[in-house]
Amino acid sequence: MGRYRAGLGTTKFVIVGQIPTIAADLGVSRPSAGLFGSSYALGVTIGAPVLTAQTASLPRKTLLLSLLVLFIAGNAFAVFAPGYDRLIAARFITGPAHGVFFAIASTIATGLVSRDKESSAIALVFLGLTVALVTGVPLGTWIGQA
């Protein structure tokens, strides 16, 4: 689950290094391009609780796989978005999958290990975010600017 968390974390934060490039490509100001990060964060904070409530009865494995599909679909929509508004929407749509995945992955991780290893299991899930910040974001920024 840590490797998936790294992908989710990279998607969340890589936009910061891409703001000047995105602003130039779309012909918008840098603050307007910065809203791509904000829309993702709003998707996480607003959409994740709603999505969690709507999917509470699903089996956890099915839910995790569905969240990854939603995440991939949102990012695919972002890749082919024809303009600024659609890209903002794609970033927002991708956010809830991130928020719910993070919560469910932590829950599943603790359920897979004995009680004395639960904190280590959660740490392993969070390791993905650390990997994203340390390697994924700089690499993604470099690729995006190249």
C-alpha atoms as a PDB file:
ATOM      1  CA  MET A   1       0.000   0.000   0.000  1.00  0.00           C
ATOM      2  CA  GLY A   2       2.956   2.299   0.516  1.00  0.00           C
ATOM      3  CA  ARG A   3       3.751   2.378  -3.207  1.00  0.00           C
ATOM      4  CA  TYR A   4       0.183   3.433  -4.018  1.00  0.00           C
ATOM      5  CA  ARG A   5       0.395   6.106  -1.355  1.00  0.00           C
ATOM      6  CA  ALA A   6       3.584   7.375  -3.023  1.00  0.00           C
ATOM      7  CA  GLY A   7       1.699   7.741  -6.299  1.00  0.00           C
ATOM      8  CA  LEU A   8      -1.178   9.518  -4.611  1.00  0.00           C
ATOM      9  CA  GLY A   9       1.171  11.784  -2.695  1.00  0.00           C
ATOM     10  CA  THR A  10       3.156  12.646  -5.795  1.00  0.00           C
ATOM     11  CA  THR A  11      -0.026  13.612  -7.611  1.00  0.00           C
ATOM     12  CA  LYS A  12      -1.037  15.796  -4.705  1.00  0.00           C
ATOM     13  CA  PHE A  13       2.214  17.743  -4.418  1.00  0.00           C
ATOM     14  CA  VAL A  14       3.895  17.642  -7.846  1.00  0.00           C
ATOM     15  CA  ILE A  15       1.631  20.417  -9.076  1.00  0.00           C
ATOM     16  CA  VAL A  16       3.575  22.927  -6.962  1.00  0.00           C
ATOM     17  CA  GLY A  17       6.704  22.536  -9.063  1.00  0.00           C
ATOM     18  CA  GLN A  18       4.656  22.727 -12.245  1.00  0.00           C
ATOM     19  CA  ILE A  19       2.819  26.004 -11.575  1.00  0.00           C
ATOM     20  CA  PRO A  20       4.994  28.236 -13.792  1.00  0.00           C
ATOM     21  CA  THR A  21       4.930  25.713 -16.649  1.00  0.00           C
ATOM     22  CA  ILE A  22       1.177  25.130 -16.379  1.00  0.00           C
ATOM     23  CA  ALA A  23       0.468  28.867 -16.172  1.00  0.00           C
ATOM     24  CA  ALA A  24       2.482  29.477 -19.341  1.00  0.00           C
ATOM     25  CA  ASP A  25       0.952  26.527 -21.206  1.00  0.00           C
ATOM     26  CA  LEU A  26      -2.628  27.476 -20.359  1.00  0.00           C
ATOM     27  CA  GLY A  27      -2.112  31.220 -20.614  1.00  0.00           C
ATOM     28  CA  VAL A  28      -3.266  31.893 -17.052  1.00  0.00           C
ATOM     29  CA  SER A  29      -1.642  33.652 -14.124  1.00  0.00           C
ATOM     30  CA  ARG A  30       0.476  31.724 -11.627  1.00  0.00           C
ATOM     31  CA  PRO A  31      -2.109  32.212  -8.867  1.00  0.00           C
ATOM     32  CA  SER A  32      -4.758  30.761 -11.193  1.00  0.00           C
ATOM     33  CA  ALA A  33      -2.506  27.792 -11.927  1.00  0.00           C
ATOM     34  CA  GLY A  34      -1.989  27.424  -8.170  1.00  0.00           C
ATOM     35  CA  LEU A  35      -5.690  26.675  -7.855  1.00  0.00           C
ATOM     36  CA  PHE A  36      -4.966  23.216  -9.281  1.00  0.00           C
ATOM     37  CA  GLY A  37      -3.400  22.342  -5.927  1.00  0.00           C
ATOM     38  CA  SER A  38      -6.271  23.959  -4.057  1.00  0.00           C
ATOM     39  CA  SER A  39      -8.921  22.148  -6.063  1.00  0.00           C
ATOM     40  CA  TYR A  40      -7.263  18.817  -5.303  1.00  0.00           C
ATOM     41  CA  ALA A  41      -7.151  19.701  -1.600  1.00  0.00           C
ATOM     42  CA  LEU A  42     -10.819  20.709  -1.677  1.00  0.00           C
ATOM     43  CA  GLY A  43     -11.628  17.390  -3.315  1.00  0.00           C
ATOM     44  CA  VAL A  44      -9.887  15.622  -0.450  1.00  0.00           C
ATOM     45  CA  THR A  45     -11.470  17.682   2.333  1.00  0.00           C
ATOM     46  CA  ILE A  46     -14.988  17.989   0.912  1.00  0.00           C
ATOM     47  CA  GLY A  47     -15.309  14.910  -1.259  1.00  0.00           C
ATOM     48  CA  ALA A  48     -13.562  12.320   0.903  1.00  0.00           C
ATOM     49  CA  PRO A  49     -16.049  12.433   3.817  1.00  0.00           C
ATOM     50  CA  VAL A  50     -18.972  12.249   1.382  1.00  0.00           C
ATOM     51  CA  LEU A  51     -17.399   9.375  -0.543  1.00  0.00           C
ATOM     52  CA  THR A  52     -16.555   7.583   2.707  1.00  0.00           C
ATOM     53  CA  ALA A  53     -20.183   7.761   3.823  1.00  0.00           C
ATOM     54  CA  GLN A  54     -21.437   6.531   0.451  1.00  0.00           C
ATOM     55  CA  THR A  55     -19.039   3.577   0.295  1.00  0.00           C
ATOM     56  CA  ALA A  56     -19.159   2.429   3.925  1.00  0.00           C
ATOM     57  CA  SER A  57     -20.905  -0.842   3.057  1.00  0.00           C
ATOM     58  CA  LEU A  58     -18.429  -1.930   0.359  1.00  0.00           C
ATOM     59  CA  PRO A  59     -15.840  -4.596   1.113  1.00  0.00           C
ATOM     60  CA  ARG A  60     -12.509  -2.893   1.790  1.00  0.00           C
ATOM     61  CA  LYS A  61     -10.576  -4.602  -1.017  1.00  0.00           C
ATOM     62  CA  THR A  62     -13.251  -3.695  -3.550  1.00  0.00           C
ATOM     63  CA  LEU A  63     -13.279  -0.152  -2.233  1.00  0.00           C
ATOM     64  CA  LEU A  64      -9.496   0.236  -2.507  1.00  0.00           C
ATOM     65  CA  LEU A  65      -9.472  -1.047  -6.059  1.00  0.00           C
ATOM     66  CA  SER A  66     -12.407   1.196  -6.971  1.00  0.00           C
ATOM     67  CA  LEU A  67     -10.625   4.191  -5.476  1.00  0.00           C
ATOM     68  CA  LEU A  68      -7.537   3.456  -7.562  1.00  0.00           C
ATOM     69  CA  VAL A  69      -9.725   3.241 -10.678  1.00  0.00           C
ATOM     70  CA  LEU A  70     -11.337   6.593  -9.786  1.00  0.00           C
ATOM     71  CA  PHE A  71      -7.900   8.077  -9.179  1.00  0.00           C
ATOM     72  CA  ILE A  72      -6.575   6.829 -12.524  1.00  0.00           C
ATOM     73  CA  ALA A  73      -9.728   7.988 -14.334  1.00  0.00           C
ATOM     74  CA  GLY A  74      -9.480  11.459 -12.771  1.00  0.00           C
ATOM     75  CA  ASN A  75      -5.855  11.759 -13.804  1.00  0.00           C
ATOM     76  CA  ALA A  76      -6.609  10.495 -17.310  1.00  0.00           C
ATOM     77  CA  PHE A  77      -9.338  13.127 -17.540  1.00  0.00           C
ATOM     78  CA  ALA A  78      -6.773  15.726 -16.426  1.00  0.00           C
ATOM     79  CA  VAL A  79      -4.307  14.623 -19.111  1.00  0.00           C
ATOM     80  CA  PHE A  80      -6.882  15.137 -21.857  1.00  0.00           C
ATOM     81  CA  ALA A  81      -8.697  18.113 -20.325  1.00  0.00           C
ATOM     82  CA  PRO A  82      -9.216  20.687 -23.072  1.00  0.00           C
ATOM     83  CA  GLY A  83      -8.878  23.727 -20.846  1.00  0.00           C
ATOM     84  CA  TYR A  84      -8.507  25.332 -17.454  1.00  0.00           C
ATOM     85  CA  ASP A  85     -12.008  24.641 -16.088  1.00  0.00           C
ATOM     86  CA  ARG A  86     -11.939  20.967 -16.991  1.00  0.00           C
ATOM     87  CA  LEU A  87      -8.479  20.575 -15.471  1.00  0.00           C
ATOM     88  CA  ILE A  88      -9.681  22.176 -12.227  1.00  0.00           C
ATOM     89  CA  ALA A  89     -12.618  19.733 -12.236  1.00  0.00           C
ATOM     90  CA  ALA A  90     -10.315  16.767 -12.890  1.00  0.00           C
ATOM     91  CA  ARG A  91      -8.096  17.727  -9.966  1.00  0.00           C
ATOM     92  CA  PHE A  92     -11.156  18.057  -7.725  1.00  0.00           C
ATOM     93  CA  ILE A  93     -12.530  14.668  -8.826  1.00  0.00           C
ATOM     94  CA  THR A  94      -9.220  12.956  -8.088  1.00  0.00           C
ATOM     95  CA  GLY A  95      -9.010  14.336  -4.532  1.00  0.00           C
ATOM     96  CA  PRO A  96     -11.726  12.252  -2.836  1.00  0.00           C
ATOM     97  CA  ALA A  97     -10.125   9.010  -4.019  1.00  0.00           C
ATOM     98  CA  HIS A  98      -6.904  10.111  -2.342  1.00  0.00           C
ATOM     99  CA  GLY A  99      -8.581  10.986   0.950  1.00  0.00           C
ATOM    100  CA  VAL A 100     -10.600   7.804   1.252  1.00  0.00           C
ATOM    101  CA  PHE A 101      -7.733   5.595   0.077  1.00  0.00           C
ATOM    102  CA  PHE A 102      -5.498   7.035   2.777  1.00  0.00           C
ATOM    103  CA  ALA A 103      -8.015   6.293   5.535  1.00  0.00           C
ATOM    104  CA  ILE A 104      -8.903   2.808   4.298  1.00  0.00           C
ATOM    105  CA  ALA A 105      -5.266   1.821   3.657  1.00  0.00           C
ATOM    106  CA  SER A 106      -4.379   2.699   7.251  1.00  0.00           C
ATOM    107  CA  THR A 107      -7.309   0.664   8.550  1.00  0.00           C
ATOM    108  CA  ILE A 108      -6.472  -2.336   6.386  1.00  0.00           C
ATOM    109  CA  ALA A 109      -2.784  -2.151   7.296  1.00  0.00           C
ATOM    110  CA  THR A 110      -3.568  -2.416  11.010  1.00  0.00           C
ATOM    111  CA  GLY A 111      -5.887  -5.339  10.345  1.00  0.00           C
ATOM    112  CA  LEU A 112      -3.177  -7.309   8.563  1.00  0.00           C
ATOM    113  CA  VAL A 113      -0.742  -7.397  11.462  1.00  0.00           C
ATOM    114  CA  SER A 114      -0.764  -8.313  15.136  1.00  0.00           C
ATOM    115  CA  ARG A 115      -1.676  -5.630  17.664  1.00  0.00           C
ATOM    116  CA  ASP A 116       1.948  -4.958  18.595  1.00  0.00           C
ATOM    117  CA  LYS A 117       2.825  -4.214  14.934  1.00  0.00           C
ATOM    118  CA  GLU A 118      -0.064  -1.837  14.148  1.00  0.00           C
ATOM    119  CA  SER A 119       1.987   1.329  14.483  1.00  0.00           C
ATOM    120  CA  SER A 120       4.640  -0.095  12.169  1.00  0.00           C
ATOM    121  CA  ALA A 121       1.963  -0.958   9.619  1.00  0.00           C
ATOM    122  CA  ILE A 122       0.597   2.595   9.681  1.00  0.00           C
ATOM    123  CA  ALA A 123       4.148   3.937   9.416  1.00  0.00           C
ATOM    124  CA  LEU A 124       4.650   1.819   6.304  1.00  0.00           C
ATOM    125  CA  VAL A 125       1.530   3.323   4.738  1.00  0.00           C
ATOM    126  CA  PHE A 126       2.791   6.828   5.560  1.00  0.00           C
ATOM    127  CA  LEU A 127       6.199   5.935   4.154  1.00  0.00           C
ATOM    128  CA  GLY A 128       4.614   6.205   0.733  1.00  0.00           C
ATOM    129  CA  LEU A 129       3.889   9.878   1.354  1.00  0.00           C
ATOM    130  CA  THR A 130       7.473  10.454   2.456  1.00  0.00           C
ATOM    131  CA  VAL A 131       8.781   8.751  -0.678  1.00  0.00           C
ATOM    132  CA  ALA A 132       6.462  10.937  -2.743  1.00  0.00           C
ATOM    133  CA  LEU A 133       7.764  14.123  -1.173  1.00  0.00           C
ATOM    134  CA  VAL A 134      11.426  13.188  -1.335  1.00  0.00           C
ATOM    135  CA  THR A 135      11.612  11.520  -4.740  1.00  0.00           C
ATOM    136  CA  GLY A 136       8.314  11.696  -6.631  1.00  0.00           C
ATOM    137  CA  VAL A 137       7.798  15.447  -6.483  1.00  0.00           C
ATOM    138  CA  PRO A 138      11.305  16.471  -7.583  1.00  0.00           C
ATOM    139  CA  LEU A 139      11.332  13.802 -10.288  1.00  0.00           C
ATOM    140  CA  GLY A 140       7.849  14.776 -11.472  1.00  0.00           C
ATOM    141  CA  THR A 141       8.813  18.446 -11.530  1.00  0.00           C
ATOM    142  CA  TRP A 142      11.947  17.697 -13.530  1.00  0.00           C
ATOM    143  CA  ILE A 143      10.022  15.557 -16.031  1.00  0.00           C
ATOM    144  CA  GLY A 144       7.288  18.168 -16.350  1.00  0.00           C
ATOM    145  CA  GLN A 145       9.741  20.966 -17.037  1.00  0.00           C
ATOM    146  CA  ALA A 146      11.847  18.928 -19.471  1.00  0.00           C
END
